[in-house]
Amino acid sequence: MTLATLTEVLGPAMRDGYAVAGLVTLGWEDMRAYVAAAEAEEVPVILQAGPSCREHTPLPVLGKMFRHLAENASVPVVAHLDHGYTFDECREALDAGFTSLMYDGSRKPLQQNIDETARIAGMAHAAGISCEGEIGFVGYAGGEGSDGTDPGQAGLFARASGVDAMAISVGNVHLQQEHGRGLDEARIRAIEAVAGIPLVIHGGSGVPEAQRRALSRGSAICKFNIGTELRMTFGSALRDAVNRDPARFDRVQILKDTHDPVVTATRQVLRGLKGQ
C-alpha cells in the first residue's frame, strides 16, 4: 500500500530540491494514466479532485477510486481534495478516505481565511492527514482576475493557520491553455523567506516548462498543480479515437485509446519537476 499524505511527499521534495505534481483528475481514465506515468518515472503523485470533478462524481466514489489506485501502485499516491470551499465538504472528503484537504478561503478577508483554514487543518491533523491553504487569490484565464500574495500576509498565514503547504498567487492563472509570461520570482523569494513551509503553484499549466524546472530545483515551491495541458491531451486523443472510425460506439474501447497519449504527456510533466 502506497497511500500517502501531502506532508509525506512534500517534505522530501523540499529537502532534496524537487517538486511533486498535483494532477487534476476528471475521471477514471486520466487518474489511472497519471499513476501509470508516475510509476514509469518512479516519482510520487498527487491525485486531485477539484470542484468540476466532484460535480460529476461523488466524493465517496472518488475516495475509493483514489485509494484503490494508491493501494496497487509502486509509488506514493496522495488522495487530495482540491479547492474545498466549506468545512462540511472537507469533512466529507476526510470521511471518504482522502489523505489531504485543500481549503480555499482565498476570496475571504485575511483573518477569516486564517481562522477557517486553521479549523480545517486541525481537523485534518487530528485524523493524521494533511492540509493545504491558499493566501492571495489565483485568478482564471478569461475570468476572475488574480490578487497577488502579500509576503507579510503569507508569513502570518503560514504561522497562524497551521497548514502543511501554502498555495500562493505570483502571476499564475488557472485554466491557461498556453504558457504565460512566467511567475514573479522576486515575490516568490520574498514569500519563501517568511513562510518556512512548502509552497504550491495552482495553474501550473501556464508556467513555462523551463521555469517550472528551475523553481522545482531551486525554491520552496514543492507542488505544481497541472490540469489544463493534460486535459487538452486527453481531449485530442479522444477526438482522434472517435474520428478514426465513426462506426465505433463502445465507450470502453474508445476511452482505452486515450491512455497511452495521456501517459506520455504526463511523463513529460513529471520529468520536468524531478531533482538534479
C-alpha atoms as a PDB file:
ATOM      1  CA  MET A   1       0.000   0.000   0.000  1.00  0.00           C
ATOM      2  CA  THR A   2       1.499   3.358  -1.038  1.00  0.00           C
ATOM      3  CA  LEU A   3      -1.264   5.726   0.057  1.00  0.00           C
ATOM      4  CA  ALA A   4       0.485   8.864   1.350  1.00  0.00           C
ATOM      5  CA  THR A   5      -0.302  12.216   2.908  1.00  0.00           C
ATOM      6  CA  LEU A   6       0.721  15.521   1.363  1.00  0.00           C
ATOM      7  CA  THR A   7       3.319  16.055   4.081  1.00  0.00           C
ATOM      8  CA  GLU A   8       4.890  12.673   3.388  1.00  0.00           C
ATOM      9  CA  VAL A   9       5.599  13.561  -0.244  1.00  0.00           C
ATOM     10  CA  LEU A  10       6.330  17.296   0.069  1.00  0.00           C
ATOM     11  CA  GLY A  11       8.756  17.008   2.992  1.00  0.00           C
ATOM     12  CA  PRO A  12      11.358  15.075   0.966  1.00  0.00           C
ATOM     13  CA  ALA A  13      10.713  17.335  -2.048  1.00  0.00           C
ATOM     14  CA  MET A  14      11.534  20.464  -0.037  1.00  0.00           C
ATOM     15  CA  ARG A  15      14.592  18.838   1.498  1.00  0.00           C
ATOM     16  CA  ASP A  16      16.033  17.390  -1.702  1.00  0.00           C
ATOM     17  CA  GLY A  17      15.138  20.028  -4.301  1.00  0.00           C
ATOM     18  CA  TYR A  18      12.313  18.810  -6.497  1.00  0.00           C
ATOM     19  CA  ALA A  19       8.548  19.233  -6.845  1.00  0.00           C
ATOM     20  CA  VAL A  20       5.610  16.841  -6.913  1.00  0.00           C
ATOM     21  CA  ALA A  21       2.827  17.152  -9.465  1.00  0.00           C
ATOM     22  CA  GLY A  22      -0.706  17.716  -8.246  1.00  0.00           C
ATOM     23  CA  LEU A  23      -2.632  16.295 -11.193  1.00  0.00           C
ATOM     24  CA  VAL A  24      -6.218  17.417 -11.652  1.00  0.00           C
ATOM     25  CA  THR A  25      -8.463  14.424 -12.319  1.00  0.00           C
ATOM     26  CA  LEU A  26     -11.832  14.265 -14.026  1.00  0.00           C
ATOM     27  CA  GLY A  27     -12.405  10.521 -14.217  1.00  0.00           C
ATOM     28  CA  TRP A  28     -11.015   7.012 -14.061  1.00  0.00           C
ATOM     29  CA  GLU A  29      -9.194   7.220 -17.383  1.00  0.00           C
ATOM     30  CA  ASP A  30      -6.984  10.165 -16.505  1.00  0.00           C
ATOM     31  CA  MET A  31      -6.286   9.191 -12.894  1.00  0.00           C
ATOM     32  CA  ARG A  32      -5.249   5.691 -13.999  1.00  0.00           C
ATOM     33  CA  ALA A  33      -2.941   7.165 -16.638  1.00  0.00           C
ATOM     34  CA  TYR A  34      -1.417   9.565 -14.105  1.00  0.00           C
ATOM     35  CA  VAL A  35      -0.487   6.744 -11.743  1.00  0.00           C
ATOM     36  CA  ALA A  36       0.945   4.689 -14.620  1.00  0.00           C
ATOM     37  CA  ALA A  37       3.112   7.670 -15.609  1.00  0.00           C
ATOM     38  CA  ALA A  38       4.292   8.201 -12.025  1.00  0.00           C
ATOM     39  CA  GLU A  39       5.237   4.530 -11.763  1.00  0.00           C
ATOM     40  CA  ALA A  40       7.163   4.728 -15.047  1.00  0.00           C
ATOM     41  CA  GLU A  41       9.067   7.791 -13.782  1.00  0.00           C
ATOM     42  CA  GLU A  42       9.394   6.356 -10.259  1.00  0.00           C
ATOM     43  CA  VAL A  43       8.079   9.507  -8.569  1.00  0.00           C
ATOM     44  CA  PRO A  44       5.209  10.230  -6.161  1.00  0.00           C
ATOM     45  CA  VAL A  45       2.000  11.756  -7.479  1.00  0.00           C
ATOM     46  CA  ILE A  46      -0.906  13.729  -6.025  1.00  0.00           C
ATOM     47  CA  LEU A  47      -4.334  12.858  -7.452  1.00  0.00           C
ATOM     48  CA  GLN A  48      -6.621  15.866  -7.087  1.00  0.00           C
ATOM     49  CA  ALA A  49     -10.404  16.052  -7.050  1.00  0.00           C
ATOM     50  CA  GLY A  50     -11.427  19.609  -7.855  1.00  0.00           C
ATOM     51  CA  PRO A  51     -14.893  21.181  -7.989  1.00  0.00           C
ATOM     52  CA  SER A  52     -15.734  20.091 -11.556  1.00  0.00           C
ATOM     53  CA  CYS A  53     -14.647  16.535 -10.805  1.00  0.00           C
ATOM     54  CA  ARG A  54     -16.824  16.482  -7.683  1.00  0.00           C
ATOM     55  CA  GLU A  55     -19.818  17.770  -9.634  1.00  0.00           C
ATOM     56  CA  HIS A  56     -19.513  14.717 -11.891  1.00  0.00           C
ATOM     57  CA  THR A  57     -18.599  12.032  -9.337  1.00  0.00           C
ATOM     58  CA  PRO A  58     -19.465  11.984  -5.610  1.00  0.00           C
ATOM     59  CA  LEU A  59     -16.622  12.311  -3.108  1.00  0.00           C
ATOM     60  CA  PRO A  60     -17.168   8.845  -1.560  1.00  0.00           C
ATOM     61  CA  VAL A  61     -16.736   7.268  -5.005  1.00  0.00           C
ATOM     62  CA  LEU A  62     -13.655   9.361  -5.777  1.00  0.00           C
ATOM     63  CA  GLY A  63     -12.130   8.382  -2.459  1.00  0.00           C
ATOM     64  CA  LYS A  64     -12.491   4.705  -3.268  1.00  0.00           C
ATOM     65  CA  MET A  65     -11.028   5.201  -6.754  1.00  0.00           C
ATOM     66  CA  PHE A  66      -8.008   7.116  -5.439  1.00  0.00           C
ATOM     67  CA  ARG A  67      -7.379   4.622  -2.658  1.00  0.00           C
ATOM     68  CA  HIS A  68      -7.680   1.638  -4.989  1.00  0.00           C
ATOM     69  CA  LEU A  69      -5.062   3.125  -7.306  1.00  0.00           C
ATOM     70  CA  ALA A  70      -2.797   4.008  -4.378  1.00  0.00           C
ATOM     71  CA  GLU A  71      -3.036   0.596  -2.785  1.00  0.00           C
ATOM     72  CA  ASN A  72      -1.911  -1.059  -6.010  1.00  0.00           C
ATOM     73  CA  ALA A  73       0.772   1.454  -7.015  1.00  0.00           C
ATOM     74  CA  SER A  74       4.522   1.104  -6.657  1.00  0.00           C
ATOM     75  CA  VAL A  75       4.957   4.818  -5.839  1.00  0.00           C
ATOM     76  CA  PRO A  76       3.391   7.063  -3.161  1.00  0.00           C
ATOM     77  CA  VAL A  77      -0.043   8.387  -4.158  1.00  0.00           C
ATOM     78  CA  VAL A  78      -1.817  11.225  -2.330  1.00  0.00           C
ATOM     79  CA  ALA A  79      -5.631  11.437  -2.406  1.00  0.00           C
ATOM     80  CA  HIS A  80      -6.146  15.208  -2.367  1.00  0.00           C
ATOM     81  CA  LEU A  81      -9.224  17.417  -2.179  1.00  0.00           C
ATOM     82  CA  ASP A  82      -8.565  20.468  -4.366  1.00  0.00           C
ATOM     83  CA  HIS A  83     -10.408  23.738  -3.622  1.00  0.00           C
ATOM     84  CA  GLY A  84     -12.659  22.611  -0.810  1.00  0.00           C
ATOM     85  CA  TYR A  85     -14.878  25.589  -0.017  1.00  0.00           C
ATOM     86  CA  THR A  86     -16.701  24.533   3.163  1.00  0.00           C
ATOM     87  CA  PHE A  87     -15.969  22.692   6.379  1.00  0.00           C
ATOM     88  CA  ASP A  88     -18.629  20.102   5.542  1.00  0.00           C
ATOM     89  CA  GLU A  89     -17.101  19.397   2.138  1.00  0.00           C
ATOM     90  CA  CYS A  90     -13.685  18.906   3.706  1.00  0.00           C
ATOM     91  CA  ARG A  91     -15.188  16.660   6.378  1.00  0.00           C
ATOM     92  CA  GLU A  92     -16.877  14.566   3.686  1.00  0.00           C
ATOM     93  CA  ALA A  93     -13.561  14.141   1.877  1.00  0.00           C
ATOM     94  CA  LEU A  94     -11.849  13.065   5.081  1.00  0.00           C
ATOM     95  CA  ASP A  95     -14.607  10.532   5.745  1.00  0.00           C
ATOM     96  CA  ALA A  96     -14.261   9.303   2.131  1.00  0.00           C
ATOM     97  CA  GLY A  97     -10.616   8.385   2.700  1.00  0.00           C
ATOM     98  CA  PHE A  98      -8.782  11.389   1.304  1.00  0.00           C
ATOM     99  CA  THR A  99      -5.321  11.932   2.781  1.00  0.00           C
ATOM    100  CA  SER A 100      -5.046  15.655   2.091  1.00  0.00           C
ATOM    101  CA  LEU A 101      -7.512  18.544   2.235  1.00  0.00           C
ATOM    102  CA  MET A 102      -7.069  21.870   0.456  1.00  0.00           C
ATOM    103  CA  TYR A 103      -9.318  24.513   1.978  1.00  0.00           C
ATOM    104  CA  ASP A 104      -9.725  27.553  -0.262  1.00  0.00           C
ATOM    105  CA  GLY A 105     -10.577  30.655   1.737  1.00  0.00           C
ATOM    106  CA  SER A 106      -8.643  32.911  -0.623  1.00  0.00           C
ATOM    107  CA  ARG A 107     -11.649  35.067  -1.521  1.00  0.00           C
ATOM    108  CA  LYS A 108     -12.254  35.901   2.147  1.00  0.00           C
ATOM    109  CA  PRO A 109     -10.699  38.557   4.417  1.00  0.00           C
ATOM    110  CA  LEU A 110      -7.322  37.546   5.821  1.00  0.00           C
ATOM    111  CA  GLN A 111      -8.376  36.811   9.401  1.00  0.00           C
ATOM    112  CA  GLN A 112     -11.444  34.851   8.284  1.00  0.00           C
ATOM    113  CA  ASN A 113      -9.273  32.841   5.902  1.00  0.00           C
ATOM    114  CA  ILE A 114      -6.800  32.110   8.709  1.00  0.00           C
ATOM    115  CA  ASP A 115      -9.498  31.114  11.189  1.00  0.00           C
ATOM    116  CA  GLU A 116     -11.413  28.855   8.809  1.00  0.00           C
ATOM    117  CA  THR A 117      -8.272  27.251   7.373  1.00  0.00           C
ATOM    118  CA  ALA A 118      -6.945  26.621  10.890  1.00  0.00           C
ATOM    119  CA  ARG A 119     -10.166  24.779  11.731  1.00  0.00           C
ATOM    120  CA  ILE A 120      -9.751  22.538   8.671  1.00  0.00           C
ATOM    121  CA  ALA A 121      -6.059  21.997   9.424  1.00  0.00           C
ATOM    122  CA  GLY A 122      -6.911  20.994  12.993  1.00  0.00           C
ATOM    123  CA  MET A 123      -9.490  18.501  11.776  1.00  0.00           C
ATOM    124  CA  ALA A 124      -7.042  17.069   9.217  1.00  0.00           C
ATOM    125  CA  HIS A 125      -4.189  16.732  11.686  1.00  0.00           C
ATOM    126  CA  ALA A 126      -6.410  15.071  14.284  1.00  0.00           C
ATOM    127  CA  ALA A 127      -7.151  12.421  11.651  1.00  0.00           C
ATOM    128  CA  GLY A 128      -3.481  12.027  10.698  1.00  0.00           C
ATOM    129  CA  ILE A 129      -3.760  13.662   7.267  1.00  0.00           C
ATOM    130  CA  SER A 130      -2.529  16.926   5.705  1.00  0.00           C
ATOM    131  CA  CYS A 131      -3.933  20.341   4.878  1.00  0.00           C
ATOM    132  CA  GLU A 132      -3.136  22.911   2.183  1.00  0.00           C
ATOM    133  CA  GLY A 133      -4.358  26.510   2.320  1.00  0.00           C
ATOM    134  CA  GLU A 134      -4.257  29.493  -0.024  1.00  0.00           C
ATOM    135  CA  ILE A 135      -3.291  33.115   0.586  1.00  0.00           C
ATOM    136  CA  GLY A 136      -3.755  35.627  -2.198  1.00  0.00           C
ATOM    137  CA  PHE A 137      -6.122  34.724  -4.994  1.00  0.00           C
ATOM    138  CA  VAL A 138      -5.211  32.837  -8.189  1.00  0.00           C
ATOM    139  CA  GLY A 139      -7.494  34.017 -10.979  1.00  0.00           C
ATOM    140  CA  TYR A 140      -8.830  32.293 -14.072  1.00  0.00           C
ATOM    141  CA  ALA A 141      -7.967  32.757 -17.736  1.00  0.00           C
ATOM    142  CA  GLY A 142     -10.835  34.746 -19.234  1.00  0.00           C
ATOM    143  CA  GLY A 143     -12.475  35.117 -15.818  1.00  0.00           C
ATOM    144  CA  GLU A 144     -11.739  36.462 -12.344  1.00  0.00           C
ATOM    145  CA  GLY A 145      -8.503  38.381 -12.038  1.00  0.00           C
ATOM    146  CA  SER A 146      -5.765  37.459  -9.576  1.00  0.00           C
ATOM    147  CA  ASP A 147      -4.866  39.149  -6.313  1.00  0.00           C
ATOM    148  CA  GLY A 148      -1.152  38.655  -5.723  1.00  0.00           C
ATOM    149  CA  THR A 149       0.041  37.219  -2.423  1.00  0.00           C
ATOM    150  CA  ASP A 150       1.431  39.747   0.032  1.00  0.00           C
ATOM    151  CA  PRO A 151       4.610  38.294   1.591  1.00  0.00           C
ATOM    152  CA  GLY A 152       3.819  39.703   5.034  1.00  0.00           C
ATOM    153  CA  GLN A 153       0.355  38.197   4.995  1.00  0.00           C
ATOM    154  CA  ALA A 154       1.814  34.927   3.732  1.00  0.00           C
ATOM    155  CA  GLY A 155       4.143  34.692   6.714  1.00  0.00           C
ATOM    156  CA  LEU A 156       1.286  35.339   9.111  1.00  0.00           C
ATOM    157  CA  PHE A 157      -0.972  32.853   7.333  1.00  0.00           C
ATOM    158  CA  ALA A 158       1.672  30.117   7.393  1.00  0.00           C
ATOM    159  CA  ARG A 159       2.243  30.546  11.142  1.00  0.00           C
ATOM    160  CA  ALA A 160      -1.341  31.041  12.264  1.00  0.00           C
ATOM    161  CA  SER A 161      -3.249  28.595  10.079  1.00  0.00           C
ATOM    162  CA  GLY A 162      -1.129  25.528  10.778  1.00  0.00           C
ATOM    163  CA  VAL A 163      -1.206  24.361   7.147  1.00  0.00           C
ATOM    164  CA  ASP A 164       1.319  21.884   5.785  1.00  0.00           C
ATOM    165  CA  ALA A 165       1.557  23.619   2.394  1.00  0.00           C
ATOM    166  CA  MET A 166       0.559  27.049   1.139  1.00  0.00           C
ATOM    167  CA  ALA A 167      -0.771  27.970  -2.306  1.00  0.00           C
ATOM    168  CA  ILE A 168       0.304  31.431  -3.469  1.00  0.00           C
ATOM    169  CA  SER A 169      -0.580  33.895  -6.226  1.00  0.00           C
ATOM    170  CA  VAL A 170       2.572  35.073  -8.013  1.00  0.00           C
ATOM    171  CA  GLY A 171       1.482  35.509 -11.631  1.00  0.00           C
ATOM    172  CA  ASN A 172      -0.059  32.057 -12.022  1.00  0.00           C
ATOM    173  CA  VAL A 173      -3.549  31.713 -13.521  1.00  0.00           C
ATOM    174  CA  HIS A 174      -5.968  28.778 -13.626  1.00  0.00           C
ATOM    175  CA  LEU A 175      -7.056  27.248 -16.962  1.00  0.00           C
ATOM    176  CA  GLN A 176      -4.350  28.741 -19.180  1.00  0.00           C
ATOM    177  CA  GLN A 177      -4.096  26.816 -22.445  1.00  0.00           C
ATOM    178  CA  GLU A 178      -0.704  28.268 -23.351  1.00  0.00           C
ATOM    179  CA  HIS A 179       2.387  29.102 -21.334  1.00  0.00           C
ATOM    180  CA  GLY A 180       2.223  32.633 -19.961  1.00  0.00           C
ATOM    181  CA  ARG A 181       4.906  35.205 -19.188  1.00  0.00           C
ATOM    182  CA  GLY A 182       6.109  33.276 -16.155  1.00  0.00           C
ATOM    183  CA  LEU A 183       5.962  33.708 -12.407  1.00  0.00           C
ATOM    184  CA  ASP A 184       7.149  36.667 -10.334  1.00  0.00           C
ATOM    185  CA  GLU A 185      10.317  35.210  -8.860  1.00  0.00           C
ATOM    186  CA  ALA A 186      11.066  38.231  -6.674  1.00  0.00           C
ATOM    187  CA  ARG A 187       7.704  37.785  -4.946  1.00  0.00           C
ATOM    188  CA  ILE A 188       8.343  34.041  -4.597  1.00  0.00           C
ATOM    189  CA  ARG A 189      11.674  34.720  -2.865  1.00  0.00           C
ATOM    190  CA  ALA A 190      10.051  37.213  -0.502  1.00  0.00           C
ATOM    191  CA  ILE A 191       7.352  34.696   0.398  1.00  0.00           C
ATOM    192  CA  GLU A 192       9.635  31.725   0.907  1.00  0.00           C
ATOM    193  CA  ALA A 193      11.846  33.837   3.182  1.00  0.00           C
ATOM    194  CA  VAL A 194       8.997  34.139   5.708  1.00  0.00           C
ATOM    195  CA  ALA A 195       6.896  31.007   5.057  1.00  0.00           C
ATOM    196  CA  GLY A 196       9.028  28.074   6.170  1.00  0.00           C
ATOM    197  CA  ILE A 197       6.681  25.521   4.586  1.00  0.00           C
ATOM    198  CA  PRO A 198       6.285  24.029   1.079  1.00  0.00           C
ATOM    199  CA  LEU A 199       4.715  26.395  -1.446  1.00  0.00           C
ATOM    200  CA  VAL A 200       2.183  25.429  -4.100  1.00  0.00           C
ATOM    201  CA  ILE A 201       1.523  26.831  -7.564  1.00  0.00           C
ATOM    202  CA  HIS A 202      -2.025  26.434  -8.851  1.00  0.00           C
ATOM    203  CA  GLY A 203      -2.450  26.928 -12.594  1.00  0.00           C
ATOM    204  CA  GLY A 204       0.865  25.251 -13.319  1.00  0.00           C
ATOM    205  CA  SER A 205      -0.035  24.576 -16.951  1.00  0.00           C
ATOM    206  CA  GLY A 206       0.516  28.269 -17.672  1.00  0.00           C
ATOM    207  CA  VAL A 207       4.058  28.297 -16.269  1.00  0.00           C
ATOM    208  CA  PRO A 208       6.840  27.864 -18.867  1.00  0.00           C
ATOM    209  CA  GLU A 209       8.452  24.454 -18.578  1.00  0.00           C
ATOM    210  CA  ALA A 210      11.948  25.882 -18.047  1.00  0.00           C
ATOM    211  CA  GLN A 211      10.721  27.969 -15.120  1.00  0.00           C
ATOM    212  CA  ARG A 212       8.824  25.034 -13.627  1.00  0.00           C
ATOM    213  CA  ARG A 213      12.020  23.008 -13.784  1.00  0.00           C
ATOM    214  CA  ALA A 214      14.197  25.750 -12.269  1.00  0.00           C
ATOM    215  CA  LEU A 215      11.803  26.548  -9.427  1.00  0.00           C
ATOM    216  CA  SER A 216      11.311  22.868  -8.636  1.00  0.00           C
ATOM    217  CA  ARG A 217      15.024  22.515  -8.083  1.00  0.00           C
ATOM    218  CA  GLY A 218      15.834  25.891  -6.555  1.00  0.00           C
ATOM    219  CA  SER A 219      12.934  27.211  -4.491  1.00  0.00           C
ATOM    220  CA  ALA A 220      10.421  26.288  -1.795  1.00  0.00           C
ATOM    221  CA  ILE A 221       7.823  25.525  -4.472  1.00  0.00           C
ATOM    222  CA  CYS A 222       7.312  21.814  -3.941  1.00  0.00           C
ATOM    223  CA  LYS A 223       3.971  21.264  -5.712  1.00  0.00           C
ATOM    224  CA  PHE A 224       2.802  22.338  -9.150  1.00  0.00           C
ATOM    225  CA  ASN A 225      -0.863  21.751  -9.950  1.00  0.00           C
ATOM    226  CA  ILE A 226      -1.250  20.640 -13.555  1.00  0.00           C
ATOM    227  CA  GLY A 227      -4.632  20.187 -15.191  1.00  0.00           C
ATOM    228  CA  THR A 228      -5.348  22.056 -18.406  1.00  0.00           C
ATOM    229  CA  GLU A 229      -2.450  20.819 -20.515  1.00  0.00           C
ATOM    230  CA  LEU A 230      -3.218  17.185 -19.686  1.00  0.00           C
ATOM    231  CA  ARG A 231      -6.953  17.655 -20.236  1.00  0.00           C
ATOM    232  CA  MET A 232      -6.092  19.051 -23.669  1.00  0.00           C
ATOM    233  CA  THR A 233      -4.062  15.911 -24.407  1.00  0.00           C
ATOM    234  CA  PHE A 234      -6.975  13.726 -23.290  1.00  0.00           C
ATOM    235  CA  GLY A 235      -9.449  15.694 -25.432  1.00  0.00           C
ATOM    236  CA  SER A 236      -7.246  15.462 -28.514  1.00  0.00           C
ATOM    237  CA  ALA A 237      -6.739  11.713 -28.047  1.00  0.00           C
ATOM    238  CA  LEU A 238     -10.467  11.198 -27.550  1.00  0.00           C
ATOM    239  CA  ARG A 239     -11.328  13.115 -30.725  1.00  0.00           C
ATOM    240  CA  ASP A 240      -8.790  11.082 -32.679  1.00  0.00           C
ATOM    241  CA  ALA A 241     -10.222   7.840 -31.305  1.00  0.00           C
ATOM    242  CA  VAL A 242     -13.772   8.764 -32.273  1.00  0.00           C
ATOM    243  CA  ASN A 243     -12.948  10.200 -35.680  1.00  0.00           C
ATOM    244  CA  ARG A 244     -10.746   7.286 -36.708  1.00  0.00           C
ATOM    245  CA  ASP A 245     -13.818   5.083 -37.048  1.00  0.00           C
ATOM    246  CA  PRO A 246     -17.240   6.796 -36.978  1.00  0.00           C
ATOM    247  CA  ALA A 247     -18.880   3.386 -36.594  1.00  0.00           C
ATOM    248  CA  ARG A 248     -17.321   2.799 -33.164  1.00  0.00           C
ATOM    249  CA  PHE A 249     -19.716   3.117 -30.258  1.00  0.00           C
ATOM    250  CA  ASP A 250     -18.231   1.132 -27.363  1.00  0.00           C
ATOM    251  CA  ARG A 251     -17.063   3.774 -24.896  1.00  0.00           C
ATOM    252  CA  VAL A 252     -14.657   1.420 -23.154  1.00  0.00           C
ATOM    253  CA  GLN A 253     -12.820   0.681 -26.383  1.00  0.00           C
ATOM    254  CA  ILE A 254     -12.789   4.348 -27.356  1.00  0.00           C
ATOM    255  CA  LEU A 255     -11.529   5.518 -23.973  1.00  0.00           C
ATOM    256  CA  LYS A 256      -8.740   2.943 -23.977  1.00  0.00           C
ATOM    257  CA  ASP A 257      -7.203   4.876 -26.851  1.00  0.00           C
ATOM    258  CA  THR A 258      -6.672   7.895 -24.598  1.00  0.00           C
ATOM    259  CA  HIS A 259      -4.442   6.028 -22.157  1.00  0.00           C
ATOM    260  CA  ASP A 260      -1.073   5.982 -23.914  1.00  0.00           C
ATOM    261  CA  PRO A 261      -1.141   9.638 -25.083  1.00  0.00           C
ATOM    262  CA  VAL A 262      -2.037  10.843 -21.576  1.00  0.00           C
ATOM    263  CA  VAL A 263       0.679   8.669 -20.009  1.00  0.00           C
ATOM    264  CA  THR A 264       3.257  10.086 -22.445  1.00  0.00           C
ATOM    265  CA  ALA A 265       2.258  13.707 -21.777  1.00  0.00           C
ATOM    266  CA  THR A 266       2.166  13.131 -18.021  1.00  0.00           C
ATOM    267  CA  ARG A 267       5.620  11.578 -18.013  1.00  0.00           C
ATOM    268  CA  GLN A 268       6.969  14.723 -19.667  1.00  0.00           C
ATOM    269  CA  VAL A 269       5.382  16.867 -16.938  1.00  0.00           C
ATOM    270  CA  LEU A 270       6.783  14.647 -14.178  1.00  0.00           C
ATOM    271  CA  ARG A 271      10.287  14.631 -15.647  1.00  0.00           C
ATOM    272  CA  GLY A 272      10.290  18.425 -15.599  1.00  0.00           C
ATOM    273  CA  LEU A 273       9.729  18.500 -11.829  1.00  0.00           C
ATOM    274  CA  LYS A 274      12.403  15.990 -10.861  1.00  0.00           C
ATOM    275  CA  GLY A 275      15.523  16.975  -8.982  1.00  0.00           C
ATOM    276  CA  GLN A 276      19.046  17.001 -10.367  1.00  0.00           C
END
